[in-house]
Amino acid sequence: MGYADLRELQTALTTASDIASSLQAAPTRRDADQLVDVLRQALTAASSLSTLTGPTGCAIHPHGAVDPLYGDPDDPLPPGYGKCLLCNDRRRRADAGPHQPYHWDRQDHALRRSA
């Protein structure tokens, strides 16, 4: 949410409040139309606040870290990966397959992959 977006919403709501306060007992059609237009502007401004995302463009982590490989022509990300480092890391771990456990071989004094 940027300052300009918030300021636009505040201005529209203040204008709508001023118009509504100045209405007479029997407002004219022009007064009503003017109020509706300003309220629509306020609604549009409020709706745009919720659609803004952070640098990642991710709905889950909008202000998370951007993957350093995003946009790298030498090492491009796989299809379906976005800018969010957290989501991409989760995808990388899922694509890596199951974890292969290791154990300590006491005879050879070495770390061996379990069968």
N, C-alpha and C. Protein backbone atom coordinates (compact mmCIF):
# COMPACT_ATOMS: atom_id res chain seq x y z
N MET A 1 0.85 -1.15 0.00
CA MET A 1 0.00 0.00 0.00
C MET A 1 0.90 1.22 0.00
N GLY A 2 0.77 2.04 -1.00
CA GLY A 2 1.56 3.25 -1.09
C GLY A 2 0.84 4.43 -0.47
N TYR A 3 1.61 5.44 -0.18
CA TYR A 3 1.05 6.64 0.43
C TYR A 3 0.03 7.29 -0.49
N ALA A 4 0.32 7.32 -1.80
CA ALA A 4 -0.61 7.96 -2.75
C ALA A 4 -1.95 7.23 -2.79
N ASP A 5 -1.92 5.90 -2.71
CA ASP A 5 -3.16 5.12 -2.72
C ASP A 5 -3.99 5.40 -1.48
N LEU A 6 -3.33 5.44 -0.36
CA LEU A 6 -4.04 5.72 0.89
C LEU A 6 -4.59 7.14 0.90
N ARG A 7 -3.81 8.07 0.40
CA ARG A 7 -4.24 9.48 0.35
C ARG A 7 -5.46 9.64 -0.56
N GLU A 8 -5.48 8.91 -1.68
CA GLU A 8 -6.64 8.97 -2.58
C GLU A 8 -7.90 8.47 -1.89
N LEU A 9 -7.78 7.41 -1.13
CA LEU A 9 -8.92 6.88 -0.39
C LEU A 9 -9.41 7.89 0.66
N GLN A 10 -8.48 8.47 1.40
CA GLN A 10 -8.85 9.44 2.44
C GLN A 10 -9.54 10.66 1.83
N THR A 11 -9.03 11.13 0.71
CA THR A 11 -9.63 12.30 0.05
C THR A 11 -11.05 11.99 -0.42
N ALA A 12 -11.24 10.83 -1.02
CA ALA A 12 -12.58 10.45 -1.51
C ALA A 12 -13.56 10.32 -0.35
N LEU A 13 -13.13 9.74 0.75
CA LEU A 13 -14.03 9.58 1.90
C LEU A 13 -14.36 10.93 2.55
N THR A 14 -13.37 11.81 2.62
CA THR A 14 -13.62 13.15 3.17
C THR A 14 -14.60 13.91 2.29
N THR A 15 -14.41 13.83 0.99
CA THR A 15 -15.31 14.51 0.05
C THR A 15 -16.73 13.95 0.17
N ALA A 16 -16.85 12.63 0.27
CA ALA A 16 -18.17 12.01 0.42
C ALA A 16 -18.84 12.46 1.71
N SER A 17 -18.06 12.55 2.77
CA SER A 17 -18.61 13.00 4.05
C SER A 17 -19.08 14.45 3.97
N ASP A 18 -18.30 15.30 3.29
CA ASP A 18 -18.68 16.70 3.12
C ASP A 18 -19.97 16.83 2.32
N ILE A 19 -20.08 16.06 1.25
CA ILE A 19 -21.28 16.11 0.41
C ILE A 19 -22.49 15.63 1.21
N ALA A 20 -22.33 14.51 1.93
CA ALA A 20 -23.44 13.96 2.70
C ALA A 20 -23.88 14.92 3.81
N SER A 21 -22.93 15.60 4.43
CA SER A 21 -23.27 16.55 5.50
C SER A 21 -24.00 17.78 4.98
N SER A 22 -23.74 18.14 3.74
CA SER A 22 -24.37 19.34 3.19
C SER A 22 -25.71 19.06 2.50
N LEU A 23 -26.13 17.80 2.45
CA LEU A 23 -27.40 17.48 1.80
C LEU A 23 -28.57 18.07 2.58
N GLN A 24 -29.56 18.50 1.86
CA GLN A 24 -30.78 19.04 2.45
C GLN A 24 -31.76 17.90 2.69
N ALA A 25 -32.89 18.21 3.24
CA ALA A 25 -33.91 17.20 3.53
C ALA A 25 -34.34 16.47 2.26
N ALA A 26 -34.40 17.20 1.15
CA ALA A 26 -34.78 16.60 -0.13
C ALA A 26 -33.65 16.87 -1.13
N PRO A 27 -32.63 16.00 -1.17
CA PRO A 27 -31.51 16.25 -2.09
C PRO A 27 -31.95 16.12 -3.54
N THR A 28 -31.30 16.89 -4.39
CA THR A 28 -31.59 16.83 -5.83
C THR A 28 -30.92 15.59 -6.42
N ARG A 29 -31.36 15.28 -7.62
CA ARG A 29 -30.77 14.14 -8.33
C ARG A 29 -29.28 14.39 -8.56
N ARG A 30 -28.92 15.63 -8.84
CA ARG A 30 -27.52 16.00 -9.08
C ARG A 30 -26.68 15.76 -7.82
N ASP A 31 -27.21 16.12 -6.65
CA ASP A 31 -26.51 15.89 -5.38
C ASP A 31 -26.29 14.39 -5.13
N ALA A 32 -27.34 13.63 -5.38
CA ALA A 32 -27.25 12.18 -5.18
C ALA A 32 -26.23 11.55 -6.13
N ASP A 33 -26.26 11.97 -7.40
CA ASP A 33 -25.30 11.45 -8.38
C ASP A 33 -23.87 11.81 -8.01
N GLN A 34 -23.68 13.04 -7.53
CA GLN A 34 -22.36 13.48 -7.12
C GLN A 34 -21.84 12.63 -5.95
N LEU A 35 -22.70 12.35 -4.99
CA LEU A 35 -22.33 11.53 -3.85
C LEU A 35 -21.99 10.11 -4.28
N VAL A 36 -22.80 9.55 -5.18
CA VAL A 36 -22.55 8.19 -5.67
C VAL A 36 -21.20 8.12 -6.40
N ASP A 37 -20.89 9.13 -7.21
CA ASP A 37 -19.61 9.14 -7.93
C ASP A 37 -18.42 9.15 -6.97
N VAL A 38 -18.50 9.98 -5.94
CA VAL A 38 -17.40 10.06 -4.98
C VAL A 38 -17.28 8.76 -4.18
N LEU A 39 -18.42 8.17 -3.82
CA LEU A 39 -18.37 6.90 -3.10
C LEU A 39 -17.79 5.79 -3.97
N ARG A 40 -18.07 5.82 -5.26
CA ARG A 40 -17.46 4.83 -6.18
C ARG A 40 -15.95 5.02 -6.26
N GLN A 41 -15.51 6.28 -6.27
CA GLN A 41 -14.07 6.55 -6.26
C GLN A 41 -13.43 5.99 -4.99
N ALA A 42 -14.11 6.18 -3.86
CA ALA A 42 -13.60 5.66 -2.59
C ALA A 42 -13.54 4.12 -2.61
N LEU A 43 -14.57 3.51 -3.16
CA LEU A 43 -14.61 2.05 -3.24
C LEU A 43 -13.49 1.53 -4.14
N THR A 44 -13.28 2.18 -5.27
CA THR A 44 -12.20 1.78 -6.18
C THR A 44 -10.84 1.92 -5.49
N ALA A 45 -10.65 3.04 -4.79
CA ALA A 45 -9.38 3.26 -4.09
C ALA A 45 -9.18 2.22 -3.00
N ALA A 46 -10.23 1.88 -2.26
CA ALA A 46 -10.13 0.87 -1.20
C ALA A 46 -9.85 -0.51 -1.79
N SER A 47 -10.47 -0.83 -2.91
CA SER A 47 -10.24 -2.12 -3.55
C SER A 47 -8.81 -2.25 -4.06
N SER A 48 -8.25 -1.17 -4.54
CA SER A 48 -6.88 -1.23 -5.07
C SER A 48 -5.87 -1.44 -3.95
N LEU A 49 -6.22 -1.06 -2.73
CA LEU A 49 -5.29 -1.26 -1.61
C LEU A 49 -5.10 -2.74 -1.33
N SER A 50 -6.15 -3.52 -1.45
CA SER A 50 -6.05 -4.94 -1.14
C SER A 50 -5.41 -5.75 -2.25
N THR A 51 -5.33 -5.23 -3.46
CA THR A 51 -4.75 -5.99 -4.56
C THR A 51 -3.26 -5.77 -4.71
N LEU A 52 -2.73 -4.82 -3.95
CA LEU A 52 -1.30 -4.58 -4.04
C LEU A 52 -0.54 -5.72 -3.37
N THR A 53 0.51 -6.18 -4.00
CA THR A 53 1.35 -7.21 -3.40
C THR A 53 2.74 -6.67 -3.20
N GLY A 54 3.49 -7.36 -2.40
CA GLY A 54 4.86 -6.96 -2.13
C GLY A 54 5.77 -7.29 -3.29
N PRO A 55 7.06 -7.24 -3.05
CA PRO A 55 8.02 -7.47 -4.13
C PRO A 55 7.99 -8.89 -4.69
N THR A 56 7.49 -9.85 -3.91
CA THR A 56 7.48 -11.23 -4.39
C THR A 56 6.29 -11.52 -5.30
N GLY A 57 5.21 -10.76 -5.16
CA GLY A 57 4.00 -11.05 -5.91
C GLY A 57 3.28 -12.28 -5.38
N CYS A 58 3.69 -12.76 -4.22
CA CYS A 58 3.16 -13.98 -3.62
C CYS A 58 2.01 -13.65 -2.67
N ALA A 59 0.93 -14.39 -2.77
CA ALA A 59 -0.20 -14.15 -1.87
C ALA A 59 0.10 -14.63 -0.45
N ILE A 60 0.96 -15.63 -0.31
CA ILE A 60 1.28 -16.17 1.01
C ILE A 60 2.38 -15.36 1.68
N HIS A 61 3.41 -14.99 0.92
CA HIS A 61 4.56 -14.25 1.47
C HIS A 61 4.78 -12.97 0.66
N PRO A 62 3.85 -12.02 0.71
CA PRO A 62 3.97 -10.83 -0.15
C PRO A 62 5.21 -9.98 0.12
N HIS A 63 5.71 -10.02 1.35
CA HIS A 63 6.89 -9.22 1.69
C HIS A 63 8.08 -10.10 2.03
N GLY A 64 8.08 -11.32 1.49
CA GLY A 64 9.19 -12.24 1.72
C GLY A 64 10.36 -11.90 0.81
N ALA A 65 11.38 -12.74 0.86
CA ALA A 65 12.58 -12.53 0.05
C ALA A 65 12.32 -12.94 -1.40
N VAL A 66 12.96 -12.20 -2.30
CA VAL A 66 12.88 -12.52 -3.73
C VAL A 66 13.98 -13.53 -4.05
N ASP A 67 13.63 -14.57 -4.79
CA ASP A 67 14.60 -15.59 -5.16
C ASP A 67 15.70 -14.96 -6.02
N PRO A 68 16.97 -15.10 -5.62
CA PRO A 68 18.05 -14.48 -6.41
C PRO A 68 18.19 -15.06 -7.80
N LEU A 69 17.65 -16.25 -8.04
CA LEU A 69 17.72 -16.83 -9.37
C LEU A 69 16.60 -16.35 -10.29
N TYR A 70 15.64 -15.61 -9.74
CA TYR A 70 14.52 -15.12 -10.56
C TYR A 70 15.06 -14.15 -11.61
N GLY A 71 14.80 -14.44 -12.86
CA GLY A 71 15.24 -13.58 -13.95
C GLY A 71 16.67 -13.80 -14.38
N ASP A 72 17.36 -14.80 -13.81
CA ASP A 72 18.75 -15.08 -14.19
C ASP A 72 18.77 -15.86 -15.50
N PRO A 73 19.31 -15.27 -16.58
CA PRO A 73 19.29 -15.98 -17.86
C PRO A 73 20.24 -17.18 -17.88
N ASP A 74 21.28 -17.17 -17.05
CA ASP A 74 22.23 -18.28 -17.04
C ASP A 74 21.72 -19.49 -16.26
N ASP A 75 20.88 -19.25 -15.28
CA ASP A 75 20.35 -20.33 -14.45
C ASP A 75 18.86 -20.07 -14.20
N PRO A 76 18.02 -20.24 -15.23
CA PRO A 76 16.59 -19.91 -15.06
C PRO A 76 15.89 -20.87 -14.12
N LEU A 77 14.84 -20.36 -13.51
CA LEU A 77 14.00 -21.18 -12.64
C LEU A 77 13.14 -22.11 -13.48
N PRO A 78 12.76 -23.27 -12.92
CA PRO A 78 11.87 -24.17 -13.65
C PRO A 78 10.50 -23.51 -13.90
N PRO A 79 9.76 -24.00 -14.87
CA PRO A 79 8.42 -23.46 -15.13
C PRO A 79 7.53 -23.58 -13.89
N GLY A 80 6.74 -22.55 -13.65
CA GLY A 80 5.83 -22.54 -12.52
C GLY A 80 6.41 -21.89 -11.28
N TYR A 81 7.71 -21.63 -11.27
CA TYR A 81 8.33 -20.98 -10.12
C TYR A 81 8.12 -19.47 -10.26
N GLY A 82 7.92 -18.81 -9.13
CA GLY A 82 7.72 -17.36 -9.12
C GLY A 82 8.91 -16.65 -8.51
N LYS A 83 8.66 -15.44 -8.00
CA LYS A 83 9.72 -14.64 -7.39
C LYS A 83 9.95 -14.97 -5.92
N CYS A 84 9.01 -15.60 -5.26
CA CYS A 84 9.07 -15.83 -3.82
C CYS A 84 10.10 -16.92 -3.48
N LEU A 85 11.12 -16.54 -2.74
CA LEU A 85 12.17 -17.48 -2.35
C LEU A 85 11.62 -18.58 -1.45
N LEU A 86 10.70 -18.23 -0.54
CA LEU A 86 10.16 -19.23 0.38
C LEU A 86 9.36 -20.30 -0.36
N CYS A 87 8.51 -19.89 -1.28
CA CYS A 87 7.72 -20.85 -2.06
C CYS A 87 8.63 -21.67 -2.99
N ASN A 88 9.60 -21.01 -3.60
CA ASN A 88 10.51 -21.73 -4.50
C ASN A 88 11.35 -22.74 -3.73
N ASP A 89 11.76 -22.39 -2.51
CA ASP A 89 12.52 -23.33 -1.69
C ASP A 89 11.67 -24.55 -1.36
N ARG A 90 10.40 -24.33 -1.05
CA ARG A 90 9.49 -25.45 -0.78
C ARG A 90 9.35 -26.32 -2.02
N ARG A 91 9.25 -25.71 -3.20
CA ARG A 91 9.14 -26.49 -4.44
C ARG A 91 10.43 -27.28 -4.70
N ARG A 92 11.59 -26.65 -4.45
CA ARG A 92 12.86 -27.34 -4.66
C ARG A 92 12.97 -28.56 -3.75
N ARG A 93 12.57 -28.41 -2.51
CA ARG A 93 12.63 -29.53 -1.57
C ARG A 93 11.68 -30.65 -1.99
N ALA A 94 10.51 -30.29 -2.49
CA ALA A 94 9.54 -31.31 -2.93
C ALA A 94 10.05 -32.02 -4.18
N ASP A 95 10.71 -31.27 -5.08
CA ASP A 95 11.22 -31.86 -6.32
C ASP A 95 12.45 -32.74 -6.07
N ALA A 96 13.13 -32.55 -4.95
CA ALA A 96 14.36 -33.29 -4.67
C ALA A 96 14.10 -34.76 -4.36
N GLY A 97 12.89 -35.10 -4.03
CA GLY A 97 12.57 -36.49 -3.71
C GLY A 97 12.72 -36.76 -2.23
N PRO A 98 12.52 -38.01 -1.84
CA PRO A 98 12.57 -38.33 -0.41
C PRO A 98 13.99 -38.21 0.14
N HIS A 99 14.04 -37.92 1.43
CA HIS A 99 15.31 -37.78 2.12
C HIS A 99 15.98 -39.15 2.24
N GLN A 100 17.25 -39.22 1.89
CA GLN A 100 18.01 -40.46 2.01
C GLN A 100 18.77 -40.45 3.33
N PRO A 101 18.34 -41.23 4.30
CA PRO A 101 19.02 -41.21 5.60
C PRO A 101 20.40 -41.86 5.53
N TYR A 102 21.26 -41.44 6.40
CA TYR A 102 22.61 -41.97 6.50
C TYR A 102 22.79 -42.58 7.89
N HIS A 103 23.75 -43.45 7.99
CA HIS A 103 24.08 -44.02 9.29
C HIS A 103 25.60 -44.13 9.41
N TRP A 104 26.06 -44.26 10.63
CA TRP A 104 27.49 -44.36 10.89
C TRP A 104 27.88 -45.84 10.89
N ASP A 105 28.80 -46.21 9.99
CA ASP A 105 29.29 -47.58 9.92
C ASP A 105 30.46 -47.70 10.91
N ARG A 106 30.24 -48.45 11.99
CA ARG A 106 31.25 -48.52 13.05
C ARG A 106 32.49 -49.30 12.61
N GLN A 107 32.32 -50.27 11.72
CA GLN A 107 33.48 -51.06 11.28
C GLN A 107 34.41 -50.21 10.41
N ASP A 108 33.83 -49.49 9.45
CA ASP A 108 34.65 -48.70 8.53
C ASP A 108 34.88 -47.29 9.02
N HIS A 109 34.24 -46.94 10.13
CA HIS A 109 34.33 -45.56 10.64
C HIS A 109 34.02 -44.56 9.54
N ALA A 110 32.86 -44.77 8.90
CA ALA A 110 32.46 -43.89 7.79
C ALA A 110 30.94 -43.71 7.80
N LEU A 111 30.53 -42.64 7.18
CA LEU A 111 29.10 -42.35 7.04
C LEU A 111 28.61 -43.04 5.77
N ARG A 112 27.60 -43.89 5.90
CA ARG A 112 27.07 -44.66 4.78
C ARG A 112 25.60 -44.33 4.56
N ARG A 113 25.18 -44.44 3.31
CA ARG A 113 23.78 -44.26 2.98
C ARG A 113 23.02 -45.53 3.36
N SER A 114 21.90 -45.34 4.06
CA SER A 114 21.09 -46.49 4.47
C SER A 114 20.36 -47.05 3.27
N ALA A 115 20.13 -48.34 3.31
CA ALA A 115 19.44 -49.03 2.20
C ALA A 115 17.95 -48.88 2.31
